[in-house]
């Protein structure tokens, strides 16, 4: 499962991207993120901020979708929509 919350304007946050541990490494997480990315590309305006908090040891997964790590003093990951 996965969800997006936001203000329907310029701020969006990806929350609760979760795959049952018995089904990990089968591409399910990538499919969830692909659907989320499609939603954002269709609904988030240019220069919208997309943020997320990655669980420990999974930030590399999100970099495949264009997310960048924030400095250690500002945890989380983000990207800016460019259309």
C-alpha atoms as a PDB file:
ATOM      1  CA  UNK A   1       0.000   0.000   0.000  1.00  0.00           C
ATOM      2  CA  UNK A   2       1.002   3.622  -0.320  1.00  0.00           C
ATOM      3  CA  UNK A   3      -0.645   7.009  -0.133  1.00  0.00           C
ATOM      4  CA  UNK A   4      -0.088  10.639  -0.976  1.00  0.00           C
ATOM      5  CA  UNK A   5      -1.232  13.465   1.243  1.00  0.00           C
ATOM      6  CA  UNK A   6      -0.973  17.130   0.453  1.00  0.00           C
ATOM      7  CA  UNK A   7      -2.639  20.464  -0.018  1.00  0.00           C
ATOM      8  CA  UNK A   8      -3.669  19.887  -3.673  1.00  0.00           C
ATOM      9  CA  UNK A   9      -1.324  22.758  -4.415  1.00  0.00           C
ATOM     10  CA  UNK A  10       2.433  22.755  -4.026  1.00  0.00           C
ATOM     11  CA  UNK A  11       3.142  20.391  -1.127  1.00  0.00           C
ATOM     12  CA  UNK A  12       2.746  16.613  -1.291  1.00  0.00           C
ATOM     13  CA  UNK A  13       4.034  13.868   0.982  1.00  0.00           C
ATOM     14  CA  UNK A  14       4.335  10.182   0.210  1.00  0.00           C
ATOM     15  CA  UNK A  15       3.303   8.155   3.240  1.00  0.00           C
ATOM     16  CA  UNK A  16       3.060   4.525   4.237  1.00  0.00           C
ATOM     17  CA  UNK A  17       4.608   2.767   1.253  1.00  0.00           C
ATOM     18  CA  UNK A  18       4.550  -0.705   2.746  1.00  0.00           C
ATOM     19  CA  UNK A  19       4.951  -4.193   1.301  1.00  0.00           C
ATOM     20  CA  UNK A  20       4.265  -7.292   3.362  1.00  0.00           C
ATOM     21  CA  UNK A  21       7.692  -8.765   4.211  1.00  0.00           C
ATOM     22  CA  UNK A  22       6.707 -12.113   2.699  1.00  0.00           C
ATOM     23  CA  UNK A  23       6.277 -10.364  -0.680  1.00  0.00           C
ATOM     24  CA  UNK A  24       9.348  -8.116  -0.735  1.00  0.00           C
ATOM     25  CA  UNK A  25      11.721  -8.097  -3.711  1.00  0.00           C
ATOM     26  CA  UNK A  26       8.957  -8.992  -6.159  1.00  0.00           C
ATOM     27  CA  UNK A  27       8.546  -5.514  -7.678  1.00  0.00           C
ATOM     28  CA  UNK A  28       5.450  -4.637  -5.643  1.00  0.00           C
ATOM     29  CA  UNK A  29       7.023  -1.568  -4.040  1.00  0.00           C
ATOM     30  CA  UNK A  30       8.171  -0.337  -7.456  1.00  0.00           C
ATOM     31  CA  UNK A  31       4.643  -0.789  -8.814  1.00  0.00           C
ATOM     32  CA  UNK A  32       3.191   1.169  -5.892  1.00  0.00           C
ATOM     33  CA  UNK A  33       5.698   3.976  -6.443  1.00  0.00           C
ATOM     34  CA  UNK A  34       5.050   3.961 -10.188  1.00  0.00           C
ATOM     35  CA  UNK A  35       1.344   4.494  -9.521  1.00  0.00           C
ATOM     36  CA  UNK A  36       2.120   7.278  -7.048  1.00  0.00           C
ATOM     37  CA  UNK A  37       4.480   8.914  -9.548  1.00  0.00           C
ATOM     38  CA  UNK A  38       1.772   8.742 -12.230  1.00  0.00           C
ATOM     39  CA  UNK A  39      -0.699  10.417  -9.886  1.00  0.00           C
ATOM     40  CA  UNK A  40       1.796  13.150  -9.032  1.00  0.00           C
ATOM     41  CA  UNK A  41       2.748  13.756 -12.662  1.00  0.00           C
ATOM     42  CA  UNK A  42      -0.935  14.207 -13.515  1.00  0.00           C
ATOM     43  CA  UNK A  43      -1.907  16.302 -10.473  1.00  0.00           C
ATOM     44  CA  UNK A  44       1.053  18.130  -8.944  1.00  0.00           C
ATOM     45  CA  UNK A  45       1.934  21.446 -10.603  1.00  0.00           C
ATOM     46  CA  UNK A  46       5.363  22.463 -11.828  1.00  0.00           C
ATOM     47  CA  UNK A  47       7.751  23.169  -8.932  1.00  0.00           C
ATOM     48  CA  UNK A  48       5.613  21.287  -6.380  1.00  0.00           C
ATOM     49  CA  UNK A  49       7.580  19.869  -3.445  1.00  0.00           C
ATOM     50  CA  UNK A  50       7.244  16.112  -2.950  1.00  0.00           C
ATOM     51  CA  UNK A  51       8.572  14.860   0.376  1.00  0.00           C
ATOM     52  CA  UNK A  52       8.843  11.524   2.142  1.00  0.00           C
ATOM     53  CA  UNK A  53      10.423   9.932   5.170  1.00  0.00           C
ATOM     54  CA  UNK A  54      12.233   6.753   4.179  1.00  0.00           C
ATOM     55  CA  UNK A  55      12.596   3.919   6.642  1.00  0.00           C
ATOM     56  CA  UNK A  56      16.125   2.969   7.628  1.00  0.00           C
ATOM     57  CA  UNK A  57      18.083   1.321   4.806  1.00  0.00           C
ATOM     58  CA  UNK A  58      15.497   1.947   2.049  1.00  0.00           C
ATOM     59  CA  UNK A  59      16.403   5.439   0.838  1.00  0.00           C
ATOM     60  CA  UNK A  60      18.269   3.887  -2.120  1.00  0.00           C
ATOM     61  CA  UNK A  61      14.925   2.530  -3.362  1.00  0.00           C
ATOM     62  CA  UNK A  62      13.506   6.061  -3.580  1.00  0.00           C
ATOM     63  CA  UNK A  63      16.532   7.483  -5.394  1.00  0.00           C
ATOM     64  CA  UNK A  64      15.466   5.330  -8.363  1.00  0.00           C
ATOM     65  CA  UNK A  65      12.392   7.570  -8.574  1.00  0.00           C
ATOM     66  CA  UNK A  66      14.386  10.805  -8.438  1.00  0.00           C
ATOM     67  CA  UNK A  67      14.230  11.543  -4.715  1.00  0.00           C
ATOM     68  CA  UNK A  68      17.237  13.061  -2.985  1.00  0.00           C
ATOM     69  CA  UNK A  69      18.378  12.735   0.592  1.00  0.00           C
ATOM     70  CA  UNK A  70      18.138  15.850   2.724  1.00  0.00           C
ATOM     71  CA  UNK A  71      20.957  16.869   5.077  1.00  0.00           C
ATOM     72  CA  UNK A  72      21.242  14.903   8.326  1.00  0.00           C
ATOM     73  CA  UNK A  73      19.956  17.933  10.225  1.00  0.00           C
ATOM     74  CA  UNK A  74      16.780  17.869   8.082  1.00  0.00           C
ATOM     75  CA  UNK A  75      15.824  14.200   7.694  1.00  0.00           C
ATOM     76  CA  UNK A  76      13.766  12.816   4.861  1.00  0.00           C
ATOM     77  CA  UNK A  77      13.912  12.862   1.092  1.00  0.00           C
ATOM     78  CA  UNK A  78      12.419  15.129  -1.537  1.00  0.00           C
ATOM     79  CA  UNK A  79      12.118  16.090  -5.168  1.00  0.00           C
ATOM     80  CA  UNK A  80      10.714  19.035  -7.061  1.00  0.00           C
ATOM     81  CA  UNK A  81       8.232  18.437  -9.902  1.00  0.00           C
ATOM     82  CA  UNK A  82       9.587  19.646 -13.246  1.00  0.00           C
ATOM     83  CA  UNK A  83       7.161  19.678 -16.147  1.00  0.00           C
END
